[in-house]
Amino acid sequence: QLNTLHRYYTILDDDHALIRLLEAEPELYFLLVEAVEPLRQAFGEKTLLYMRIQSGDEDSLLKVAVWLPANFSNDPERALRSFDAEWWLNNCHRSGGALVFDYEMQDAV
């Protein structure tokens, strides 16, 4: 599973932390694989996808960010809304609240 995720995503945490989260929330793996194509449709084929775990007091959350160059020609909010409407809203219930999607701009501070 991890090798497949590495093909599509840049993982910003150590693999062991991700493995623990996927063991606790096994549906996340399938969602992550399925999300690649809808993300590319919304943001473009050449976008980079980053993944990081955000840990709170009791829960961990997996955040996927589409990394966009400063010269991204489309409206990133519109692209995210398109992804939400076309795919995520129909599938978010499968995540158990442990997965979020967002974007980050290259020149963001």
N, C-alpha and C. Protein backbone atom coordinates (compact mmCIF):
# COMPACT_ATOMS: atom_id res chain seq x y z
N GLN A 1 0.81 -1.20 0.00
CA GLN A 1 0.00 0.00 0.00
C GLN A 1 0.85 1.26 0.00
N LEU A 2 1.90 1.25 0.79
CA LEU A 2 2.73 2.44 0.89
C LEU A 2 3.41 2.76 -0.43
N ASN A 3 3.86 1.75 -1.15
CA ASN A 3 4.51 1.98 -2.44
C ASN A 3 3.54 2.65 -3.41
N THR A 4 2.30 2.23 -3.40
CA THR A 4 1.29 2.85 -4.27
C THR A 4 1.10 4.31 -3.90
N LEU A 5 0.99 4.61 -2.63
CA LEU A 5 0.81 6.00 -2.21
C LEU A 5 2.02 6.85 -2.58
N HIS A 6 3.21 6.30 -2.47
CA HIS A 6 4.42 7.04 -2.84
C HIS A 6 4.44 7.37 -4.33
N ARG A 7 3.77 6.59 -5.15
CA ARG A 7 3.71 6.88 -6.59
C ARG A 7 2.92 8.16 -6.86
N TYR A 8 1.91 8.43 -6.05
CA TYR A 8 1.02 9.56 -6.30
C TYR A 8 1.26 10.76 -5.40
N TYR A 9 1.76 10.52 -4.20
CA TYR A 9 1.86 11.57 -3.19
C TYR A 9 3.29 11.71 -2.68
N THR A 10 3.63 12.93 -2.31
CA THR A 10 4.85 13.17 -1.54
C THR A 10 4.42 13.14 -0.08
N ILE A 11 4.96 12.20 0.66
CA ILE A 11 4.57 12.01 2.05
C ILE A 11 5.54 12.77 2.94
N LEU A 12 5.02 13.72 3.71
CA LEU A 12 5.86 14.60 4.49
C LEU A 12 6.11 14.10 5.91
N ASP A 13 5.60 12.95 6.24
CA ASP A 13 5.83 12.34 7.55
C ASP A 13 6.60 11.04 7.34
N ASP A 14 7.08 10.48 8.44
CA ASP A 14 7.74 9.20 8.29
C ASP A 14 6.70 8.12 7.98
N ASP A 15 7.12 7.13 7.26
CA ASP A 15 6.22 6.08 6.81
C ASP A 15 5.54 5.35 7.97
N HIS A 16 6.22 5.21 9.09
CA HIS A 16 5.65 4.47 10.23
C HIS A 16 4.40 5.17 10.78
N ALA A 17 4.43 6.50 10.84
CA ALA A 17 3.27 7.24 11.32
C ALA A 17 2.09 7.05 10.37
N LEU A 18 2.37 7.07 9.07
CA LEU A 18 1.32 6.87 8.09
C LEU A 18 0.76 5.45 8.17
N ILE A 19 1.63 4.48 8.33
CA ILE A 19 1.18 3.08 8.44
C ILE A 19 0.25 2.92 9.65
N ARG A 20 0.61 3.53 10.77
CA ARG A 20 -0.25 3.44 11.96
C ARG A 20 -1.62 4.06 11.70
N LEU A 21 -1.63 5.19 11.03
CA LEU A 21 -2.91 5.83 10.74
C LEU A 21 -3.74 4.99 9.78
N LEU A 22 -3.12 4.41 8.77
CA LEU A 22 -3.84 3.57 7.81
C LEU A 22 -4.34 2.29 8.46
N GLU A 23 -3.61 1.79 9.44
CA GLU A 23 -4.10 0.61 10.16
C GLU A 23 -5.32 0.95 11.01
N ALA A 24 -5.32 2.14 11.57
CA ALA A 24 -6.46 2.58 12.39
C ALA A 24 -7.67 2.95 11.52
N GLU A 25 -7.41 3.47 10.31
CA GLU A 25 -8.46 3.92 9.39
C GLU A 25 -8.20 3.31 8.01
N PRO A 26 -8.45 2.02 7.82
CA PRO A 26 -8.07 1.35 6.57
C PRO A 26 -8.74 1.92 5.32
N GLU A 27 -9.89 2.53 5.44
CA GLU A 27 -10.58 3.07 4.26
C GLU A 27 -9.82 4.25 3.65
N LEU A 28 -8.94 4.89 4.45
CA LEU A 28 -8.19 6.04 3.94
C LEU A 28 -7.34 5.67 2.74
N TYR A 29 -6.75 4.49 2.75
CA TYR A 29 -5.90 4.07 1.63
C TYR A 29 -6.70 4.09 0.33
N PHE A 30 -7.87 3.51 0.34
CA PHE A 30 -8.69 3.44 -0.87
C PHE A 30 -9.14 4.83 -1.31
N LEU A 31 -9.49 5.67 -0.36
CA LEU A 31 -9.86 7.04 -0.69
C LEU A 31 -8.71 7.80 -1.33
N LEU A 32 -7.51 7.63 -0.78
CA LEU A 32 -6.35 8.33 -1.32
C LEU A 32 -6.05 7.91 -2.75
N VAL A 33 -6.15 6.63 -3.02
CA VAL A 33 -5.90 6.15 -4.39
C VAL A 33 -6.99 6.64 -5.33
N GLU A 34 -8.23 6.56 -4.88
CA GLU A 34 -9.35 6.99 -5.72
C GLU A 34 -9.36 8.50 -5.96
N ALA A 35 -8.81 9.27 -5.05
CA ALA A 35 -8.85 10.74 -5.14
C ALA A 35 -7.88 11.30 -6.16
N VAL A 36 -6.87 10.54 -6.55
CA VAL A 36 -5.83 11.06 -7.44
C VAL A 36 -6.43 11.60 -8.74
N GLU A 37 -7.23 10.82 -9.41
CA GLU A 37 -7.79 11.25 -10.70
C GLU A 37 -8.73 12.44 -10.56
N PRO A 38 -9.66 12.45 -9.60
CA PRO A 38 -10.49 13.65 -9.44
C PRO A 38 -9.68 14.91 -9.09
N LEU A 39 -8.62 14.75 -8.31
CA LEU A 39 -7.76 15.90 -8.00
C LEU A 39 -7.08 16.41 -9.26
N ARG A 40 -6.60 15.51 -10.09
CA ARG A 40 -5.95 15.92 -11.35
C ARG A 40 -6.95 16.58 -12.29
N GLN A 41 -8.18 16.08 -12.31
CA GLN A 41 -9.20 16.69 -13.15
C GLN A 41 -9.50 18.11 -12.69
N ALA A 42 -9.53 18.32 -11.40
CA ALA A 42 -9.86 19.64 -10.86
C ALA A 42 -8.70 20.62 -10.95
N PHE A 43 -7.48 20.14 -10.67
CA PHE A 43 -6.33 21.04 -10.56
C PHE A 43 -5.34 20.94 -11.72
N GLY A 44 -5.44 19.90 -12.52
CA GLY A 44 -4.50 19.72 -13.64
C GLY A 44 -3.64 18.50 -13.45
N GLU A 45 -3.20 17.96 -14.55
CA GLU A 45 -2.45 16.70 -14.55
C GLU A 45 -1.09 16.80 -13.86
N LYS A 46 -0.46 17.93 -13.90
CA LYS A 46 0.92 18.04 -13.43
C LYS A 46 1.05 18.58 -12.02
N THR A 47 -0.04 18.63 -11.29
CA THR A 47 0.02 19.14 -9.92
C THR A 47 0.70 18.12 -9.00
N LEU A 48 1.32 18.63 -7.98
CA LEU A 48 1.97 17.78 -6.98
C LEU A 48 1.04 17.63 -5.79
N LEU A 49 0.98 16.41 -5.27
CA LEU A 49 0.11 16.11 -4.14
C LEU A 49 0.96 15.79 -2.92
N TYR A 50 0.75 16.52 -1.85
CA TYR A 50 1.47 16.31 -0.61
C TYR A 50 0.52 15.76 0.44
N MET A 51 1.08 14.98 1.33
CA MET A 51 0.28 14.39 2.40
C MET A 51 1.05 14.53 3.71
N ARG A 52 0.32 14.95 4.75
CA ARG A 52 0.94 15.04 6.07
C ARG A 52 -0.09 14.69 7.13
N ILE A 53 0.39 14.21 8.24
CA ILE A 53 -0.48 13.88 9.36
C ILE A 53 -0.46 15.05 10.33
N GLN A 54 -1.64 15.47 10.73
CA GLN A 54 -1.77 16.50 11.74
C GLN A 54 -2.37 15.84 12.97
N SER A 55 -1.61 15.87 14.06
CA SER A 55 -2.04 15.19 15.27
C SER A 55 -2.57 16.19 16.29
N GLY A 56 -3.70 15.82 16.87
CA GLY A 56 -4.29 16.62 17.94
C GLY A 56 -4.14 15.90 19.25
N ASP A 57 -4.91 16.31 20.23
CA ASP A 57 -4.84 15.69 21.55
C ASP A 57 -5.21 14.22 21.51
N GLU A 58 -6.28 13.91 20.77
CA GLU A 58 -6.75 12.53 20.77
C GLU A 58 -6.76 11.90 19.39
N ASP A 59 -6.92 12.71 18.34
CA ASP A 59 -7.08 12.18 17.00
C ASP A 59 -5.97 12.66 16.08
N SER A 60 -5.78 11.90 15.01
CA SER A 60 -4.89 12.31 13.94
C SER A 60 -5.73 12.53 12.69
N LEU A 61 -5.30 13.47 11.89
CA LEU A 61 -5.99 13.85 10.68
C LEU A 61 -4.98 13.80 9.55
N LEU A 62 -5.37 13.24 8.44
CA LEU A 62 -4.50 13.18 7.27
C LEU A 62 -4.90 14.32 6.35
N LYS A 63 -3.96 15.21 6.07
CA LYS A 63 -4.23 16.34 5.20
C LYS A 63 -3.51 16.13 3.87
N VAL A 64 -4.27 16.20 2.80
CA VAL A 64 -3.71 16.16 1.45
C VAL A 64 -3.78 17.58 0.91
N ALA A 65 -2.65 18.08 0.43
CA ALA A 65 -2.60 19.41 -0.14
C ALA A 65 -2.10 19.31 -1.58
N VAL A 66 -2.81 19.98 -2.46
CA VAL A 66 -2.38 20.10 -3.84
C VAL A 66 -1.46 21.31 -3.87
N TRP A 67 -0.22 21.10 -4.27
CA TRP A 67 0.76 22.18 -4.31
C TRP A 67 0.66 22.86 -5.66
N LEU A 68 0.37 24.13 -5.64
CA LEU A 68 0.15 24.88 -6.88
C LEU A 68 1.25 25.91 -7.07
N PRO A 69 1.76 26.02 -8.28
CA PRO A 69 2.77 27.05 -8.56
C PRO A 69 2.17 28.44 -8.50
N ALA A 70 3.02 29.43 -8.31
CA ALA A 70 2.55 30.81 -8.21
C ALA A 70 1.80 31.24 -9.46
N ASN A 71 2.14 30.67 -10.60
CA ASN A 71 1.49 31.05 -11.86
C ASN A 71 0.33 30.14 -12.23
N PHE A 72 -0.28 29.48 -11.23
CA PHE A 72 -1.43 28.62 -11.48
C PHE A 72 -2.50 29.44 -12.19
N SER A 73 -2.91 29.00 -13.36
CA SER A 73 -3.74 29.83 -14.22
C SER A 73 -5.22 29.83 -13.85
N ASN A 74 -5.65 28.91 -13.06
CA ASN A 74 -7.07 28.84 -12.68
C ASN A 74 -7.26 29.37 -11.26
N ASP A 75 -8.50 29.55 -10.90
CA ASP A 75 -8.85 29.97 -9.55
C ASP A 75 -8.77 28.73 -8.65
N PRO A 76 -7.84 28.69 -7.68
CA PRO A 76 -7.69 27.49 -6.85
C PRO A 76 -8.93 27.18 -6.02
N GLU A 77 -9.64 28.20 -5.57
CA GLU A 77 -10.87 27.96 -4.81
C GLU A 77 -11.92 27.28 -5.68
N ARG A 78 -12.01 27.72 -6.92
CA ARG A 78 -12.95 27.10 -7.85
C ARG A 78 -12.56 25.66 -8.12
N ALA A 79 -11.26 25.40 -8.27
CA ALA A 79 -10.79 24.03 -8.51
C ALA A 79 -11.13 23.14 -7.31
N LEU A 80 -10.93 23.65 -6.10
CA LEU A 80 -11.24 22.87 -4.90
C LEU A 80 -12.75 22.62 -4.80
N ARG A 81 -13.55 23.62 -5.09
CA ARG A 81 -15.01 23.43 -5.07
C ARG A 81 -15.43 22.41 -6.12
N SER A 82 -14.78 22.42 -7.27
CA SER A 82 -15.08 21.45 -8.31
C SER A 82 -14.75 20.03 -7.84
N PHE A 83 -13.59 19.87 -7.21
CA PHE A 83 -13.21 18.56 -6.66
C PHE A 83 -14.23 18.12 -5.62
N ASP A 84 -14.60 19.04 -4.74
CA ASP A 84 -15.60 18.72 -3.71
C ASP A 84 -16.90 18.25 -4.34
N ALA A 85 -17.41 19.03 -5.29
CA ALA A 85 -18.71 18.73 -5.89
C ALA A 85 -18.68 17.45 -6.73
N GLU A 86 -17.60 17.26 -7.45
CA GLU A 86 -17.53 16.12 -8.38
C GLU A 86 -17.20 14.80 -7.68
N TRP A 87 -16.47 14.86 -6.55
CA TRP A 87 -16.03 13.60 -5.96
C TRP A 87 -16.09 13.57 -4.43
N TRP A 88 -15.50 14.55 -3.78
CA TRP A 88 -15.29 14.46 -2.34
C TRP A 88 -16.60 14.42 -1.55
N LEU A 89 -17.57 15.23 -1.90
CA LEU A 89 -18.82 15.25 -1.14
C LEU A 89 -19.54 13.91 -1.19
N ASN A 90 -19.34 13.15 -2.25
CA ASN A 90 -19.94 11.82 -2.35
C ASN A 90 -19.14 10.75 -1.63
N ASN A 91 -17.92 11.07 -1.20
CA ASN A 91 -17.04 10.07 -0.61
C ASN A 91 -16.53 10.41 0.78
N CYS A 92 -16.74 11.64 1.24
CA CYS A 92 -16.16 12.07 2.51
C CYS A 92 -16.66 11.25 3.69
N HIS A 93 -17.87 10.73 3.61
CA HIS A 93 -18.40 9.93 4.71
C HIS A 93 -17.55 8.68 4.96
N ARG A 94 -16.83 8.23 3.96
CA ARG A 94 -15.98 7.04 4.09
C ARG A 94 -14.71 7.30 4.89
N SER A 95 -14.36 8.56 5.10
CA SER A 95 -13.09 8.89 5.76
C SER A 95 -13.16 8.86 7.27
N GLY A 96 -14.36 8.79 7.82
CA GLY A 96 -14.48 8.84 9.27
C GLY A 96 -13.99 10.15 9.86
N GLY A 97 -13.97 11.20 9.05
CA GLY A 97 -13.51 12.50 9.52
C GLY A 97 -12.00 12.61 9.66
N ALA A 98 -11.26 11.64 9.11
CA ALA A 98 -9.81 11.61 9.31
C ALA A 98 -9.03 12.07 8.08
N LEU A 99 -9.71 12.67 7.09
CA LEU A 99 -9.04 13.08 5.86
C LEU A 99 -9.61 14.40 5.38
N VAL A 100 -8.72 15.32 5.01
CA VAL A 100 -9.14 16.59 4.43
C VAL A 100 -8.28 16.88 3.20
N PHE A 101 -8.85 17.63 2.28
CA PHE A 101 -8.15 18.05 1.07
C PHE A 101 -8.12 19.56 1.04
N ASP A 102 -7.00 20.10 0.57
CA ASP A 102 -6.83 21.54 0.47
C ASP A 102 -5.80 21.81 -0.62
N TYR A 103 -5.43 23.05 -0.78
CA TYR A 103 -4.36 23.41 -1.71
C TYR A 103 -3.41 24.37 -1.02
N GLU A 104 -2.21 24.47 -1.54
CA GLU A 104 -1.22 25.43 -1.04
C GLU A 104 -0.56 26.06 -2.24
N MET A 105 -0.40 27.37 -2.19
CA MET A 105 0.24 28.10 -3.28
C MET A 105 1.73 28.21 -3.00
N GLN A 106 2.53 28.16 -4.03
CA GLN A 106 3.98 28.19 -3.92
C GLN A 106 4.46 29.42 -3.17
N ASP A 107 3.87 30.57 -3.45
CA ASP A 107 4.35 31.80 -2.84
C ASP A 107 3.68 32.13 -1.51
N ALA A 108 2.88 31.21 -0.98
CA ALA A 108 2.20 31.47 0.28
C ALA A 108 3.22 31.54 1.42
N VAL A 109 2.97 32.42 2.35
CA VAL A 109 3.89 32.58 3.47
C VAL A 109 3.47 31.74 4.63
